[in-house]
Structure formats: structure tokens, C-alpha cells
Amino acid sequence: MSQHPSLKTGGGTTAKRTVLKRFERVELLRKRGEFKEGGRITGLKKTKPEE
């Protein structure tokens, strides 16, 4: 069975992600020194991805 053309991904262009996954946010906050070890992982601060 083949895939419908509207579901295929575009080959060359990739949009920059503006939303981070939770583990990426924790890692970024650790680098910045804003996340304490053993802290809550819910209700994290808003973060922008590094460029």
C-alpha cells in the first residue's frame, strides 16, 4: 500500500522548531544554572531554544 502524497515529508526544507520537549528544557535550564537537581519537572520556566 502506498502513502498518500499529502502525508509525505518535504525532502530539503526543515522548519526551525520553536517548542522544546521537556527533557530538552531541563537540559537547557541545567546549562543555565536555573534547574536544581531533584527539582520538579512540571511547571518549568518558559525557555527559548538556543540558536
PDB file of N, CA and C in Angstrom:
ATOM      1  N   MET A   1       0.844  -1.172   0.000  1.00  0.00           N
ATOM      2  CA  MET A   1       0.000   0.000   0.000  1.00  0.00           C
ATOM      3  C   MET A   1       0.893   1.241   0.000  1.00  0.00           C
ATOM      4  N   SER A   2       0.594   2.189  -0.846  1.00  0.00           N
ATOM      5  CA  SER A   2       1.426   3.383  -0.950  1.00  0.00           C
ATOM      6  C   SER A   2       0.911   4.489  -0.025  1.00  0.00           C
ATOM      7  N   GLN A   3       1.778   5.458   0.203  1.00  0.00           N
ATOM      8  CA  GLN A   3       1.442   6.569   1.078  1.00  0.00           C
ATOM      9  C   GLN A   3       0.819   7.702   0.261  1.00  0.00           C
ATOM     10  N   HIS A   4      -0.210   8.340   0.812  1.00  0.00           N
ATOM     11  CA  HIS A   4      -0.861   9.453   0.141  1.00  0.00           C
ATOM     12  C   HIS A   4       0.135  10.609   0.007  1.00  0.00           C
ATOM     13  N   PRO A   5       0.157  11.313  -1.130  1.00  0.00           N
ATOM     14  CA  PRO A   5       1.140  12.385  -1.342  1.00  0.00           C
ATOM     15  C   PRO A   5       1.094  13.493  -0.286  1.00  0.00           C
ATOM     16  N   SER A   6      -0.055  13.759   0.289  1.00  0.00           N
ATOM     17  CA  SER A   6      -0.141  14.839   1.280  1.00  0.00           C
ATOM     18  C   SER A   6       0.536  14.471   2.600  1.00  0.00           C
ATOM     19  N   LEU A   7       0.825  13.189   2.826  1.00  0.00           N
ATOM     20  CA  LEU A   7       1.454  12.749   4.071  1.00  0.00           C
ATOM     21  C   LEU A   7       2.967  12.643   3.976  1.00  0.00           C
ATOM     22  N   LYS A   8       3.497  12.779   2.789  1.00  0.00           N
ATOM     23  CA  LYS A   8       4.942  12.678   2.621  1.00  0.00           C
ATOM     24  C   LYS A   8       5.607  13.960   3.106  1.00  0.00           C
ATOM     25  N   THR A   9       6.804  13.813   3.656  1.00  0.00           N
ATOM     26  CA  THR A   9       7.543  14.976   4.134  1.00  0.00           C
ATOM     27  C   THR A   9       8.332  15.591   2.997  1.00  0.00           C
ATOM     28  N   GLY A  10       8.499  16.891   3.064  1.00  0.00           N
ATOM     29  CA  GLY A  10       9.311  17.577   2.076  1.00  0.00           C
ATOM     30  C   GLY A  10      10.770  17.245   2.321  1.00  0.00           C
ATOM     31  N   GLY A  11      11.493  16.927   1.290  1.00  0.00           N
ATOM     32  CA  GLY A  11      12.856  16.441   1.442  1.00  0.00           C
ATOM     33  C   GLY A  11      13.858  17.437   1.989  1.00  0.00           C
ATOM     34  N   GLY A  12      13.942  18.645   1.445  1.00  0.00           N
ATOM     35  CA  GLY A  12      15.060  19.512   1.777  1.00  0.00           C
ATOM     36  C   GLY A  12      14.809  20.557   2.834  1.00  0.00           C
ATOM     37  N   THR A  13      13.639  21.079   2.923  1.00  0.00           N
ATOM     38  CA  THR A  13      13.401  22.182   3.844  1.00  0.00           C
ATOM     39  C   THR A  13      12.926  21.664   5.200  1.00  0.00           C
ATOM     40  N   THR A  14      13.596  22.130   6.252  1.00  0.00           N
ATOM     41  CA  THR A  14      13.203  21.758   7.602  1.00  0.00           C
ATOM     42  C   THR A  14      12.966  23.039   8.387  1.00  0.00           C
ATOM     43  N   ALA A  15      11.805  23.171   8.961  1.00  0.00           N
ATOM     44  CA  ALA A  15      11.486  24.363   9.734  1.00  0.00           C
ATOM     45  C   ALA A  15      12.170  24.296  11.090  1.00  0.00           C
ATOM     46  N   LYS A  16      12.573  25.454  11.598  1.00  0.00           N
ATOM     47  CA  LYS A  16      13.209  25.506  12.901  1.00  0.00           C
ATOM     48  C   LYS A  16      12.151  25.283  13.979  1.00  0.00           C
ATOM     49  N   ARG A  17      12.437  24.387  14.897  1.00  0.00           N
ATOM     50  CA  ARG A  17      11.491  24.091  15.965  1.00  0.00           C
ATOM     51  C   ARG A  17      11.524  25.210  17.005  1.00  0.00           C
ATOM     52  N   THR A  18      10.349  25.655  17.428  1.00  0.00           N
ATOM     53  CA  THR A  18      10.279  26.702  18.439  1.00  0.00           C
ATOM     54  C   THR A  18       9.813  26.161  19.779  1.00  0.00           C
ATOM     55  N   VAL A  19       9.434  24.896  19.821  1.00  0.00           N
ATOM     56  CA  VAL A  19       8.962  24.282  21.055  1.00  0.00           C
ATOM     57  C   VAL A  19       9.899  23.147  21.419  1.00  0.00           C
ATOM     58  N   LEU A  20      10.330  23.120  22.682  1.00  0.00           N
ATOM     59  CA  LEU A  20      11.247  22.086  23.139  1.00  0.00           C
ATOM     60  C   LEU A  20      10.497  21.000  23.885  1.00  0.00           C
ATOM     61  N   LYS A  21      11.025  19.802  23.836  1.00  0.00           N
ATOM     62  CA  LYS A  21      10.496  18.708  24.646  1.00  0.00           C
ATOM     63  C   LYS A  21      10.918  18.957  26.090  1.00  0.00           C
ATOM     64  N   ARG A  22      10.242  18.298  27.028  1.00  0.00           N
ATOM     65  CA  ARG A  22      10.532  18.529  28.445  1.00  0.00           C
ATOM     66  C   ARG A  22      11.992  18.211  28.780  1.00  0.00           C
ATOM     67  N   PHE A  23      12.516  17.092  28.278  1.00  0.00           N
ATOM     68  CA  PHE A  23      13.903  16.746  28.609  1.00  0.00           C
ATOM     69  C   PHE A  23      14.884  17.757  28.025  1.00  0.00           C
ATOM     70  N   GLU A  24      14.537  18.360  26.872  1.00  0.00           N
ATOM     71  CA  GLU A  24      15.396  19.385  26.289  1.00  0.00           C
ATOM     72  C   GLU A  24      15.362  20.655  27.130  1.00  0.00           C
ATOM     73  N   ARG A  25      14.184  20.993  27.664  1.00  0.00           N
ATOM     74  CA  ARG A  25      14.070  22.179  28.519  1.00  0.00           C
ATOM     75  C   ARG A  25      14.857  22.008  29.803  1.00  0.00           C
ATOM     76  N   VAL A  26      14.783  20.805  30.410  1.00  0.00           N
ATOM     77  CA  VAL A  26      15.530  20.552  31.648  1.00  0.00           C
ATOM     78  C   VAL A  26      17.024  20.662  31.385  1.00  0.00           C
ATOM     79  N   GLU A  27      17.480  20.088  30.279  1.00  0.00           N
ATOM     80  CA  GLU A  27      18.899  20.142  29.929  1.00  0.00           C
ATOM     81  C   GLU A  27      19.358  21.585  29.727  1.00  0.00           C
ATOM     82  N   LEU A  28      18.552  22.383  29.044  1.00  0.00           N
ATOM     83  CA  LEU A  28      18.890  23.777  28.789  1.00  0.00           C
ATOM     84  C   LEU A  28      18.922  24.579  30.089  1.00  0.00           C
ATOM     85  N   LEU A  29      17.948  24.341  30.969  1.00  0.00           N
ATOM     86  CA  LEU A  29      17.923  25.039  32.253  1.00  0.00           C
ATOM     87  C   LEU A  29      19.099  24.622  33.130  1.00  0.00           C
ATOM     88  N   ARG A  30      19.526  23.369  33.050  1.00  0.00           N
ATOM     89  CA  ARG A  30      20.713  22.923  33.797  1.00  0.00           C
ATOM     90  C   ARG A  30      21.949  23.675  33.329  1.00  0.00           C
ATOM     91  N   LYS A  31      22.092  23.817  31.995  1.00  0.00           N
ATOM     92  CA  LYS A  31      23.245  24.542  31.456  1.00  0.00           C
ATOM     93  C   LYS A  31      23.272  25.981  31.968  1.00  0.00           C
ATOM     94  N   ARG A  32      22.091  26.590  32.064  1.00  0.00           N
ATOM     95  CA  ARG A  32      21.989  27.980  32.511  1.00  0.00           C
ATOM     96  C   ARG A  32      22.056  28.106  34.031  1.00  0.00           C
ATOM     97  N   GLY A  33      21.995  26.980  34.740  1.00  0.00           N
ATOM     98  CA  GLY A  33      22.036  27.003  36.200  1.00  0.00           C
ATOM     99  C   GLY A  33      20.719  27.376  36.831  1.00  0.00           C
ATOM    100  N   GLU A  34      19.609  27.199  36.116  1.00  0.00           N
ATOM    101  CA  GLU A  34      18.288  27.580  36.618  1.00  0.00           C
ATOM    102  C   GLU A  34      17.455  26.384  37.047  1.00  0.00           C
ATOM    103  N   PHE A  35      18.034  25.171  36.977  1.00  0.00           N
ATOM    104  CA  PHE A  35      17.313  23.971  37.388  1.00  0.00           C
ATOM    105  C   PHE A  35      18.141  23.257  38.432  1.00  0.00           C
ATOM    106  N   LYS A  36      17.555  23.057  39.602  1.00  0.00           N
ATOM    107  CA  LYS A  36      18.256  22.366  40.671  1.00  0.00           C
ATOM    108  C   LYS A  36      17.997  20.874  40.572  1.00  0.00           C
ATOM    109  N   GLU A  37      19.031  20.083  40.837  1.00  0.00           N
ATOM    110  CA  GLU A  37      18.915  18.630  40.792  1.00  0.00           C
ATOM    111  C   GLU A  37      17.860  18.175  41.789  1.00  0.00           C
ATOM    112  N   GLY A  38      16.974  17.317  41.342  1.00  0.00           N
ATOM    113  CA  GLY A  38      15.900  16.839  42.202  1.00  0.00           C
ATOM    114  C   GLY A  38      14.699  17.771  42.220  1.00  0.00           C
ATOM    115  N   GLY A  39      14.720  18.814  41.383  1.00  0.00           N
ATOM    116  CA  GLY A  39      13.602  19.756  41.316  1.00  0.00           C
ATOM    117  C   GLY A  39      12.435  19.170  40.546  1.00  0.00           C
ATOM    118  N   ARG A  40      11.314  19.865  40.610  1.00  0.00           N
ATOM    119  CA  ARG A  40      10.117  19.407  39.899  1.00  0.00           C
ATOM    120  C   ARG A  40      10.293  19.582  38.401  1.00  0.00           C
ATOM    121  N   ILE A  41       9.800  18.616  37.651  1.00  0.00           N
ATOM    122  CA  ILE A  41       9.903  18.728  36.193  1.00  0.00           C
ATOM    123  C   ILE A  41       8.594  19.216  35.587  1.00  0.00           C
ATOM    124  N   THR A  42       7.592  19.446  36.423  1.00  0.00           N
ATOM    125  CA  THR A  42       6.357  20.045  35.931  1.00  0.00           C
ATOM    126  C   THR A  42       6.381  21.516  36.298  1.00  0.00           C
ATOM    127  N   GLY A  43       5.773  22.328  35.483  1.00  0.00           N
ATOM    128  CA  GLY A  43       5.745  23.767  35.747  1.00  0.00           C
ATOM    129  C   GLY A  43       7.089  24.422  35.516  1.00  0.00           C
ATOM    130  N   LEU A  44       7.829  23.962  34.510  1.00  0.00           N
ATOM    131  CA  LEU A  44       9.136  24.544  34.211  1.00  0.00           C
ATOM    132  C   LEU A  44       8.984  25.946  33.649  1.00  0.00           C
ATOM    133  N   LYS A  45      10.058  26.726  33.763  1.00  0.00           N
ATOM    134  CA  LYS A  45      10.062  28.065  33.192  1.00  0.00           C
ATOM    135  C   LYS A  45       9.975  27.987  31.678  1.00  0.00           C
ATOM    136  N   LYS A  46       9.459  29.030  31.075  1.00  0.00           N
ATOM    137  CA  LYS A  46       9.448  29.106  29.622  1.00  0.00           C
ATOM    138  C   LYS A  46      10.880  29.312  29.130  1.00  0.00           C
ATOM    139  N   THR A  47      11.230  28.632  28.066  1.00  0.00           N
ATOM    140  CA  THR A  47      12.568  28.747  27.523  1.00  0.00           C
ATOM    141  C   THR A  47      12.504  28.885  26.007  1.00  0.00           C
ATOM    142  N   LYS A  48      13.480  29.569  25.466  1.00  0.00           N
ATOM    143  CA  LYS A  48      13.606  29.649  24.018  1.00  0.00           C
ATOM    144  C   LYS A  48      14.794  28.789  23.612  1.00  0.00           C
ATOM    145  N   PRO A  49      14.701  28.105  22.483  1.00  0.00           N
ATOM    146  CA  PRO A  49      15.805  27.234  22.061  1.00  0.00           C
ATOM    147  C   PRO A  49      17.073  28.049  21.789  1.00  0.00           C
ATOM    148  N   GLU A  50      18.215  27.419  22.020  1.00  0.00           N
ATOM    149  CA  GLU A  50      19.475  28.068  21.686  1.00  0.00           C
ATOM    150  C   GLU A  50      19.600  28.164  20.182  1.00  0.00           C
ATOM    151  N   GLU A  51      20.228  29.188  19.724  1.00  0.00           N
ATOM    152  CA  GLU A  51      20.366  29.358  18.275  1.00  0.00           C
ATOM    153  C   GLU A  51      21.696  28.910  17.788  1.00  0.00           C
TER     154      GLU A  51
END
